[in-house]
Amino acid sequence: MEQIKRFFENMDEIVYIVDMDNYEIIYMNKKLRELYGGLPMERFAGQKCYEVFQNNSEPCKICTNYKLKPDEFVEWQYYNPILNKFLMIKDSMMEENGKRYRIEIAIDISDQNRKNEMHDDYQKLEKLANEGYRLALQRSTPDECIEVILEYLGKALNGDRTYVVERNERGGDDNTYEWVANGVTAEKKNLQDLPPEVCRTWYEVFKEKKNIMIEDIEEIRDVYPVQYAILRPQNIRSLVVFPLYEGKHIIGFYGIDNPSESSLEYVSNMLETVAHFIVAAIDRRRLMRELRDMGYRDQLTKLGNRYAMSAYIREFQDNQDMGIVYCDITGLKNLNDREGHTAGDALLVRSGECLKKVFRGYGMFRIGGDEFLILCPQIDEELLAEKVGLLRQTMQERQVTSAVGTVWKKCLKGSEIEGLVNEAENRMYIDKAAYYRTAGVDRRK
């Protein structure tokens, strides 16, 4: 490693080396240190690359680490808004003593780009937007596209936080995406299911095809006290927020907190330009979710199907307590023969509704014509028994007859789930046989 550092030290290109597993800076050459005030290497060693080079609070969405292989280069161009430079970048991976290191060599091509750059503000705006689109479109999912564009906007406009807020089914608002600068507190978890009155005045402005620009948060202290009470604790001094439209329907908004004063004059234009891209990504996300639901959801009961169950089990984290409930709806065949499949379907729908009422938040699946499975991670044995009792009561009230088998195990491993499901199924058959004996019903019906 020391020999490699000596090789790069006096190169005219920008060079740095980071640990790929923890993002800590191992080395910055003289050229790069000069861009950061000529500070000694000790000042940067051990700091996170995304904090120092990108002013990010977490690993960059545009990071190429996932593409890197030993002895191969990944080449790309990037405008770094922190350094205000256009860079031609070559990234590679080096392995030493069982550790992986990212080596990045960047050539400053700012002069070449600026020769072709118009000095008109609109041209600069368009260039920034196009660069953000280019980086975002390299990602494979709509979520990643939105995360990259927010990250890029936040850095390009020198803001503290960029975010998307979407209206939910209950009429409230959810902060669905955010980027925060290094040292800025993330707020996404605190901004879920906001009551309608919090953003009501903003939506009234949006209906008039206007955006929100607040240059000094103190100006709204008396005019909009509800919004002030939410914004001030977040250390927001200024913000620009733009509505997101799907046709004529407002689906939410997105914005930036504390952009630099020098960028305030064109932030609104920038957000308006990018809004269409974000709406397109949200539409694509919804379509992908709908397609996924079609493949993973039972269309009659709207519960998960066997594919969804398999995916749920694959994502199970080991060493969790687990409760499993196996249900079989009795009398379905007899009902179909006697009253038709419409009546049978109605019975299955009622059965699914009973499961949702009692086990909402857990994994619920229709795994056969008349069989249902509920997987309950992180549930204690007493609560599981209580819920099974409530399920039987609810089914009785909804005129659903079901055999139920229940199993609970502490600190389960994912590899043990299949065996536990089989045990729950066997207990269901025991319960079913007991029902037939007690009720005097022909079990073939």
Protein backbone atom coordinates (compact mmCIF):
# COMPACT_ATOMS: atom_id res chain seq x y z
CA MET A 1 0.00 0.00 0.00
CA GLU A 2 2.80 2.46 0.86
CA GLN A 3 4.40 1.92 -2.54
CA ILE A 4 1.08 2.70 -4.24
CA LYS A 5 0.68 5.88 -2.18
CA ARG A 6 4.16 7.06 -3.18
CA PHE A 7 3.32 6.41 -6.83
CA PHE A 8 0.17 8.57 -6.70
CA GLU A 9 1.44 11.32 -4.39
CA ASN A 10 2.67 13.87 -6.95
CA MET A 11 0.41 13.02 -9.86
CA ASP A 12 -1.49 15.88 -11.53
CA GLU A 13 -4.69 13.85 -11.33
CA ILE A 14 -6.91 13.67 -8.23
CA VAL A 15 -6.46 10.32 -6.45
CA TYR A 16 -7.90 8.79 -3.30
CA ILE A 17 -8.15 5.33 -1.74
CA VAL A 18 -10.96 4.18 0.59
CA ASP A 19 -11.88 1.00 2.42
CA MET A 20 -14.82 -0.39 0.43
CA ASP A 21 -16.42 -2.05 3.44
CA ASN A 22 -16.56 0.90 5.85
CA TYR A 23 -15.99 3.84 3.43
CA GLU A 24 -13.08 5.18 5.51
CA ILE A 25 -10.49 7.30 3.69
CA ILE A 26 -7.12 5.59 3.56
CA TYR A 27 -5.27 8.04 1.33
CA MET A 28 -5.62 11.33 -0.58
CA ASN A 29 -2.82 12.51 -2.86
CA LYS A 30 -1.28 15.99 -2.74
CA LYS A 31 -3.47 17.32 -5.58
CA LEU A 32 -6.68 16.40 -3.73
CA ARG A 33 -5.43 17.66 -0.37
CA GLU A 34 -4.68 21.02 -1.98
CA LEU A 35 -8.33 21.28 -3.04
CA TYR A 36 -9.23 20.90 0.63
CA GLY A 37 -6.96 23.69 1.85
CA GLY A 38 -3.65 21.85 1.88
CA LEU A 39 -4.44 20.08 5.15
CA PRO A 40 -2.26 17.10 6.13
CA MET A 41 -3.41 13.54 5.45
CA GLU A 42 -3.90 12.96 9.18
CA ARG A 43 -6.81 15.42 9.06
CA PHE A 44 -8.76 13.11 6.71
CA ALA A 45 -7.64 9.58 7.62
CA GLY A 46 -10.52 7.49 8.95
CA GLN A 47 -13.24 9.92 7.88
CA LYS A 48 -16.01 8.69 5.58
CA CYS A 49 -15.49 9.41 1.90
CA TYR A 50 -19.13 10.32 1.36
CA GLU A 51 -18.92 12.93 4.13
CA VAL A 52 -15.70 14.56 2.93
CA PHE A 53 -16.09 14.37 -0.86
CA GLN A 54 -19.88 14.57 -1.27
CA ASN A 55 -21.20 16.21 1.94
CA ASN A 56 -23.49 13.20 2.37
CA SER A 57 -24.70 11.77 5.67
CA GLU A 58 -24.72 8.20 4.29
CA PRO A 59 -23.08 6.30 1.39
CA CYS A 60 -23.77 7.94 -1.98
CA LYS A 61 -26.51 6.56 -4.19
CA ILE A 62 -24.21 7.13 -7.19
CA CYS A 63 -21.39 5.05 -5.69
CA THR A 64 -19.87 2.56 -8.17
CA ASN A 65 -18.53 0.11 -5.57
CA TYR A 66 -20.98 -2.57 -6.69
CA LYS A 67 -19.46 -2.48 -10.19
CA LEU A 68 -15.80 -2.77 -9.21
CA LYS A 69 -13.61 -5.81 -9.84
CA PRO A 70 -9.87 -6.28 -9.36
CA ASP A 71 -7.71 -5.16 -12.30
CA GLU A 72 -10.69 -3.60 -14.14
CA PHE A 73 -11.65 0.06 -14.49
CA VAL A 74 -15.10 1.64 -14.37
CA GLU A 75 -15.03 4.95 -16.26
CA TRP A 76 -17.61 7.70 -15.86
CA GLN A 77 -18.03 11.48 -15.82
CA TYR A 78 -19.43 13.51 -12.96
CA TYR A 79 -19.93 17.15 -12.04
CA ASN A 80 -18.98 17.42 -8.37
CA PRO A 81 -20.97 20.34 -6.95
CA ILE A 82 -18.85 20.37 -3.77
CA LEU A 83 -15.61 20.97 -5.70
CA ASN A 84 -17.44 22.74 -8.55
CA LYS A 85 -15.51 20.65 -11.05
CA PHE A 86 -16.33 18.40 -13.99
CA LEU A 87 -14.40 15.16 -13.54
CA MET A 88 -13.48 12.24 -15.77
CA ILE A 89 -13.24 9.36 -13.31
CA LYS A 90 -11.63 5.93 -13.34
CA ASP A 91 -12.43 3.56 -10.46
CA SER A 92 -10.85 0.23 -9.65
CA MET A 93 -10.60 -2.27 -6.81
CA MET A 94 -7.46 -3.49 -5.06
CA GLU A 95 -7.40 -6.37 -2.59
CA GLU A 96 -4.73 -6.58 0.12
CA ASN A 97 -4.57 -8.72 3.27
CA GLY A 98 -8.19 -9.77 2.86
CA LYS A 99 -9.50 -6.20 2.56
CA ARG A 100 -11.01 -4.43 -0.45
CA TYR A 101 -9.95 -0.93 -1.42
CA ARG A 102 -11.46 1.47 -3.93
CA ILE A 103 -8.93 3.49 -5.92
CA GLU A 104 -10.38 6.51 -7.70
CA ILE A 105 -8.44 8.58 -10.22
CA ALA A 106 -10.19 11.76 -11.41
CA ILE A 107 -9.09 14.11 -14.17
CA ASP A 108 -10.35 17.69 -13.97
CA ILE A 109 -12.05 18.47 -17.30
CA SER A 110 -13.78 21.63 -16.09
CA ASP A 111 -12.04 23.93 -18.56
CA GLN A 112 -13.05 21.73 -21.47
CA ASN A 113 -16.68 21.71 -20.32
CA ARG A 114 -16.79 25.42 -19.59
CA LYS A 115 -15.59 26.30 -23.08
CA ASN A 116 -18.83 24.78 -24.33
CA GLU A 117 -20.99 26.12 -21.53
CA MET A 118 -23.40 28.99 -22.12
CA HIS A 119 -23.40 31.63 -19.40
CA ASP A 120 -27.15 32.08 -19.55
CA ASP A 121 -28.84 30.95 -16.28
CA TYR A 122 -31.33 28.78 -18.13
CA GLN A 123 -28.53 26.91 -19.87
CA LYS A 124 -26.82 26.29 -16.54
CA LEU A 125 -30.11 25.09 -15.09
CA GLU A 126 -30.69 22.71 -17.98
CA LYS A 127 -27.16 21.37 -17.68
CA LEU A 128 -27.59 20.65 -13.98
CA ALA A 129 -30.93 18.93 -14.54
CA ASN A 130 -29.62 16.81 -17.39
CA GLU A 131 -26.65 15.67 -15.32
CA GLY A 132 -29.02 14.64 -12.53
CA TYR A 133 -31.20 12.72 -15.00
CA ARG A 134 -28.18 10.95 -16.44
CA LEU A 135 -27.01 9.75 -13.03
CA ALA A 136 -30.50 8.74 -11.92
CA LEU A 137 -31.33 6.80 -15.08
CA GLN A 138 -28.30 4.57 -14.53
CA ARG A 139 -30.10 3.01 -11.56
CA SER A 140 -32.31 -0.03 -11.96
CA THR A 141 -35.33 0.80 -9.78
CA PRO A 142 -37.64 3.84 -9.46
CA ASP A 143 -36.74 4.16 -5.77
CA GLU A 144 -33.05 4.40 -6.62
CA CYS A 145 -33.76 6.93 -9.39
CA ILE A 146 -35.57 9.23 -6.96
CA GLU A 147 -32.89 8.82 -4.29
CA VAL A 148 -30.12 9.70 -6.76
CA ILE A 149 -31.92 12.77 -8.12
CA LEU A 150 -32.61 14.05 -4.59
CA GLU A 151 -28.98 13.54 -3.65
CA TYR A 152 -27.81 15.36 -6.75
CA LEU A 153 -30.24 18.27 -6.29
CA GLY A 154 -29.28 18.66 -2.65
CA LYS A 155 -25.61 18.94 -3.47
CA ALA A 156 -26.03 21.01 -6.65
CA LEU A 157 -28.18 23.58 -4.82
CA ASN A 158 -26.08 23.38 -1.64
CA GLY A 159 -29.09 22.50 0.54
CA ASP A 160 -29.37 20.71 3.85
CA ARG A 161 -32.16 18.31 2.93
CA THR A 162 -34.19 17.28 -0.11
CA TYR A 163 -37.32 15.18 0.17
CA VAL A 164 -40.51 13.83 -1.37
CA VAL A 165 -43.81 13.84 0.54
CA GLU A 166 -46.77 11.81 -0.81
CA ARG A 167 -50.43 11.83 0.16
CA ASN A 168 -51.55 8.54 1.70
CA GLU A 169 -54.83 6.66 1.61
CA ARG A 170 -55.96 8.21 4.90
CA GLY A 171 -55.68 11.77 3.59
CA GLY A 172 -52.47 12.46 5.50
CA ASP A 173 -48.93 12.80 4.20
CA ASP A 174 -45.87 10.54 4.32
CA ASN A 175 -42.25 11.58 3.79
CA THR A 176 -41.29 8.76 1.39
CA TYR A 177 -37.77 9.80 0.29
CA GLU A 178 -35.08 12.08 1.64
CA TRP A 179 -31.44 13.06 1.27
CA VAL A 180 -29.63 14.91 4.03
CA ALA A 181 -26.26 16.65 3.99
CA ASN A 182 -23.50 15.58 6.31
CA GLY A 183 -24.25 16.75 9.86
CA VAL A 184 -27.96 17.31 9.19
CA THR A 185 -30.52 15.25 11.11
CA ALA A 186 -32.71 12.94 9.03
CA GLU A 187 -36.43 13.63 9.53
CA LYS A 188 -38.11 10.97 7.41
CA LYS A 189 -39.06 8.69 10.32
CA ASN A 190 -40.63 11.62 12.16
CA LEU A 191 -42.73 12.75 9.21
CA GLN A 192 -45.05 9.82 8.62
CA ASP A 193 -48.84 10.01 8.43
CA LEU A 194 -48.91 13.74 9.10
CA PRO A 195 -52.47 14.91 9.85
CA PRO A 196 -54.16 16.68 6.88
CA GLU A 197 -54.18 20.04 8.67
CA VAL A 198 -50.38 20.17 8.74
CA CYS A 199 -50.03 20.63 4.97
CA ARG A 200 -53.55 21.87 4.17
CA THR A 201 -52.54 25.49 3.46
CA TRP A 202 -49.75 24.32 1.15
CA TYR A 203 -52.15 22.18 -0.86
CA GLU A 204 -54.45 25.18 -1.19
CA VAL A 205 -51.55 27.09 -2.74
CA PHE A 206 -50.72 24.14 -5.00
CA LYS A 207 -54.29 24.12 -6.35
CA GLU A 208 -53.58 27.57 -7.76
CA LYS A 209 -50.60 26.14 -9.70
CA LYS A 210 -48.14 27.88 -7.38
CA ASN A 211 -45.17 26.65 -5.41
CA ILE A 212 -44.01 27.54 -1.87
CA MET A 213 -40.91 29.68 -1.32
CA ILE A 214 -40.01 30.79 2.19
CA GLU A 215 -36.83 32.86 2.33
CA ASP A 216 -37.01 33.38 6.10
CA ILE A 217 -38.93 30.89 8.24
CA GLU A 218 -39.60 33.57 10.87
CA GLU A 219 -41.91 35.32 8.40
CA ILE A 220 -44.53 32.57 8.81
CA ARG A 221 -44.44 32.33 12.61
CA ASP A 222 -47.77 34.14 13.03
CA VAL A 223 -49.33 33.50 9.61
CA TYR A 224 -48.87 29.71 9.54
CA PRO A 225 -48.24 28.63 13.16
CA VAL A 226 -48.90 24.92 12.49
CA GLN A 227 -46.25 24.75 9.75
CA TYR A 228 -43.85 26.88 11.80
CA ALA A 229 -44.14 24.49 14.75
CA ILE A 230 -43.16 21.58 12.46
CA LEU A 231 -40.39 23.34 10.51
CA ARG A 232 -38.56 25.37 13.17
CA PRO A 233 -37.38 22.39 15.28
CA GLN A 234 -35.79 20.99 12.10
CA ASN A 235 -33.46 24.03 11.93
CA ILE A 236 -35.06 25.12 8.67
CA ARG A 237 -34.26 28.72 7.78
CA SER A 238 -35.57 28.72 4.23
CA LEU A 239 -37.18 26.28 1.84
CA VAL A 240 -38.64 25.83 -1.61
CA VAL A 241 -41.41 23.27 -2.17
CA PHE A 242 -42.99 22.31 -5.48
CA PRO A 243 -46.20 20.28 -6.05
CA LEU A 244 -46.22 16.91 -7.80
CA TYR A 245 -49.09 16.45 -10.25
CA GLU A 246 -50.46 13.32 -11.82
CA GLY A 247 -52.58 14.86 -14.54
CA LYS A 248 -54.61 17.46 -12.68
CA HIS A 249 -54.45 15.55 -9.40
CA ILE A 250 -51.93 16.59 -6.74
CA ILE A 251 -50.21 13.49 -5.34
CA GLY A 252 -47.76 15.27 -3.03
CA PHE A 253 -44.82 17.64 -3.13
CA TYR A 254 -41.06 17.74 -2.94
CA GLY A 255 -38.57 20.35 -1.93
CA ILE A 256 -35.29 21.51 -0.50
CA ASP A 257 -34.44 22.97 2.89
CA ASN A 258 -31.89 25.76 3.36
CA PRO A 259 -30.60 26.10 -0.21
CA SER A 260 -27.77 28.58 -0.62
CA GLU A 261 -28.85 32.21 -1.03
CA SER A 262 -27.07 32.38 -4.38
CA SER A 263 -29.23 29.57 -5.77
CA LEU A 264 -32.60 30.77 -4.42
CA GLU A 265 -33.37 32.76 -7.58
CA TYR A 266 -33.50 29.66 -9.77
CA VAL A 267 -34.30 26.85 -7.30
CA SER A 268 -38.00 27.01 -8.21
CA ASN A 269 -37.24 26.61 -11.91
CA MET A 270 -34.93 23.73 -11.12
CA LEU A 271 -37.56 21.94 -9.03
CA GLU A 272 -40.24 22.52 -11.65
CA THR A 273 -37.97 21.01 -14.30
CA VAL A 274 -37.21 17.90 -12.24
CA ALA A 275 -40.78 17.42 -10.92
CA HIS A 276 -41.87 15.65 -14.11
CA PHE A 277 -39.01 13.17 -13.73
CA ILE A 278 -39.97 12.39 -10.11
CA VAL A 279 -43.66 11.90 -11.03
CA ALA A 280 -42.62 9.55 -13.84
CA ALA A 281 -40.51 7.54 -11.38
CA ILE A 282 -43.43 7.37 -8.91
CA ASP A 283 -45.73 6.17 -11.71
CA ARG A 284 -43.18 3.52 -12.68
CA ARG A 285 -42.86 2.47 -9.03
CA ARG A 286 -46.64 2.09 -8.73
CA LEU A 287 -46.79 0.02 -11.92
CA MET A 288 -44.00 -2.26 -10.69
CA ARG A 289 -45.78 -2.72 -7.36
CA GLU A 290 -49.04 -3.53 -9.11
CA LEU A 291 -47.31 -6.10 -11.29
CA ARG A 292 -45.60 -7.54 -8.24
CA ASP A 293 -48.93 -7.69 -6.40
CA MET A 294 -50.47 -9.55 -9.31
CA GLY A 295 -47.74 -12.17 -9.04
CA TYR A 296 -47.65 -12.34 -5.24
CA ARG A 297 -51.26 -11.74 -4.24
CA ASP A 298 -54.29 -14.00 -4.25
CA GLN A 299 -56.76 -12.06 -6.35
CA LEU A 300 -59.85 -13.27 -4.49
CA THR A 301 -58.88 -12.65 -0.84
CA LYS A 302 -56.08 -10.12 -1.51
CA LEU A 303 -53.81 -12.09 0.82
CA GLY A 304 -50.38 -13.27 -0.24
CA ASN A 305 -50.07 -16.44 -2.33
CA ARG A 306 -47.50 -19.21 -2.18
CA TYR A 307 -44.90 -17.10 -4.04
CA ALA A 308 -45.36 -14.33 -1.49
CA MET A 309 -45.05 -16.87 1.33
CA SER A 310 -41.75 -18.15 -0.08
CA ALA A 311 -40.41 -14.59 -0.41
CA TYR A 312 -41.52 -13.83 3.16
CA ILE A 313 -39.68 -16.87 4.49
CA ARG A 314 -36.50 -16.01 2.53
CA GLU A 315 -36.40 -12.59 4.21
CA PHE A 316 -36.88 -14.03 7.71
CA GLN A 317 -34.11 -13.08 10.13
CA ASP A 318 -32.79 -15.96 12.26
CA ASN A 319 -33.21 -16.17 16.03
CA GLN A 320 -36.68 -14.63 16.22
CA ASP A 321 -39.60 -16.10 18.10
CA MET A 322 -42.18 -17.38 15.62
CA GLY A 323 -45.84 -18.33 15.76
CA ILE A 324 -47.50 -20.24 12.91
CA VAL A 325 -51.23 -20.63 12.39
CA TYR A 326 -52.56 -23.06 9.77
CA CYS A 327 -56.29 -22.77 8.87
CA ASP A 328 -58.53 -24.98 6.77
CA ILE A 329 -62.04 -23.75 5.90
CA THR A 330 -64.41 -26.66 6.37
CA GLY A 331 -67.50 -27.20 4.23
CA LEU A 332 -66.27 -25.27 1.19
CA LYS A 333 -66.82 -28.11 -1.29
CA ASN A 334 -70.28 -28.80 0.08
CA LEU A 335 -71.19 -25.09 -0.21
CA ASN A 336 -69.88 -24.90 -3.80
CA ASP A 337 -71.94 -27.98 -4.76
CA ARG A 338 -75.07 -26.77 -2.99
CA GLU A 339 -75.12 -23.01 -3.72
CA GLY A 340 -72.49 -22.48 -6.42
CA HIS A 341 -68.97 -21.05 -6.54
CA THR A 342 -70.18 -17.51 -5.93
CA ALA A 343 -71.25 -18.52 -2.42
CA GLY A 344 -67.97 -20.42 -1.95
CA ASP A 345 -65.95 -17.39 -3.03
CA ALA A 346 -67.89 -15.22 -0.58
CA LEU A 347 -66.97 -17.66 2.21
CA LEU A 348 -63.28 -17.45 1.30
CA VAL A 349 -63.42 -13.65 1.22
CA ARG A 350 -65.02 -13.60 4.69
CA SER A 351 -62.33 -15.97 5.90
CA GLY A 352 -59.60 -13.65 4.63
CA GLU A 353 -61.30 -10.67 6.29
CA CYS A 354 -61.29 -12.52 9.60
CA LEU A 355 -57.55 -13.14 9.29
CA LYS A 356 -56.87 -9.50 8.43
CA LYS A 357 -58.89 -8.26 11.40
CA VAL A 358 -56.95 -10.36 13.89
CA PHE A 359 -53.48 -10.72 12.36
CA ARG A 360 -52.96 -7.40 10.55
CA GLY A 361 -49.25 -6.64 10.36
CA TYR A 362 -48.18 -10.28 10.13
CA GLY A 363 -47.65 -12.50 7.07
CA MET A 364 -51.01 -13.84 5.83
CA PHE A 365 -51.26 -16.18 2.85
CA ARG A 366 -53.80 -18.29 0.97
CA ILE A 367 -51.78 -21.38 0.12
CA GLY A 368 -54.51 -23.67 -1.23
CA GLY A 369 -58.13 -23.70 -2.26
CA ASP A 370 -59.39 -23.61 1.32
CA GLU A 371 -56.13 -23.35 3.29
CA PHE A 372 -54.58 -20.26 4.89
CA LEU A 373 -51.28 -19.74 6.66
CA ILE A 374 -50.27 -16.97 9.07
CA LEU A 375 -46.59 -16.40 9.95
CA CYS A 376 -46.04 -14.27 13.05
CA PRO A 377 -42.39 -13.37 13.72
CA GLN A 378 -41.49 -11.68 17.00
CA ILE A 379 -44.69 -12.70 18.77
CA ASP A 380 -44.78 -14.18 22.25
CA GLU A 381 -46.62 -17.41 22.98
CA GLU A 382 -49.33 -15.81 25.13
CA LEU A 383 -50.21 -13.19 22.49
CA LEU A 384 -50.35 -15.87 19.80
CA ALA A 385 -52.81 -17.94 21.88
CA GLU A 386 -54.89 -14.82 22.52
CA LYS A 387 -55.05 -14.02 18.80
CA VAL A 388 -55.99 -17.57 17.85
CA GLY A 389 -58.85 -17.43 20.34
CA LEU A 390 -59.97 -14.09 18.87
CA LEU A 391 -59.74 -15.58 15.36
CA ARG A 392 -62.05 -18.45 16.29
CA GLN A 393 -64.50 -15.98 17.81
CA THR A 394 -64.38 -13.69 14.79
CA MET A 395 -64.89 -16.58 12.38
CA GLN A 396 -67.87 -17.80 14.36
CA GLU A 397 -69.40 -14.32 14.20
CA ARG A 398 -68.84 -14.23 10.41
CA GLN A 399 -70.27 -17.73 9.93
CA VAL A 400 -66.95 -19.28 8.97
CA THR A 401 -66.06 -22.75 10.19
CA SER A 402 -62.34 -23.48 10.26
CA ALA A 403 -59.93 -26.04 11.65
CA VAL A 404 -56.87 -24.38 13.18
CA GLY A 405 -53.40 -25.71 13.95
CA THR A 406 -50.96 -23.57 15.95
CA VAL A 407 -47.24 -23.86 16.69
CA TRP A 408 -44.91 -21.47 18.53
CA LYS A 409 -41.14 -21.69 18.85
CA LYS A 410 -38.53 -19.49 20.47
CA CYS A 411 -35.44 -18.27 18.56
CA LEU A 412 -36.37 -19.94 15.30
CA LYS A 413 -33.96 -20.25 12.36
CA GLY A 414 -35.20 -19.71 8.82
CA SER A 415 -34.27 -23.25 7.87
CA GLU A 416 -36.70 -24.57 10.50
CA ILE A 417 -39.80 -22.78 9.22
CA GLU A 418 -40.84 -25.46 6.73
CA GLY A 419 -40.79 -28.13 9.43
CA LEU A 420 -42.79 -25.89 11.75
CA VAL A 421 -45.38 -25.29 9.02
CA ASN A 422 -45.77 -29.05 8.60
CA GLU A 423 -46.26 -29.41 12.35
CA ALA A 424 -48.94 -26.68 12.32
CA GLU A 425 -50.65 -28.46 9.41
CA ASN A 426 -50.69 -31.76 11.31
CA ARG A 427 -52.24 -30.03 14.32
CA MET A 428 -54.85 -28.49 12.02
CA TYR A 429 -55.85 -32.00 10.85
CA ILE A 430 -56.18 -33.10 14.49
CA ASP A 431 -58.43 -30.09 15.15
CA LYS A 432 -60.41 -30.85 12.00
CA ALA A 433 -60.98 -34.49 13.01
CA ALA A 434 -62.14 -33.34 16.47
CA TYR A 435 -64.63 -30.97 14.85
CA TYR A 436 -66.11 -33.72 12.67
CA ARG A 437 -66.48 -36.05 15.67
CA THR A 438 -68.12 -33.38 17.81
CA ALA A 439 -70.41 -32.02 15.09
CA GLY A 440 -71.30 -35.42 13.65
CA VAL A 441 -70.57 -34.12 10.15
CA ASP A 442 -69.50 -36.30 7.24
CA ARG A 443 -65.88 -35.23 6.77
CA ARG A 444 -66.07 -35.91 3.05
CA LYS A 445 -68.36 -32.88 2.60
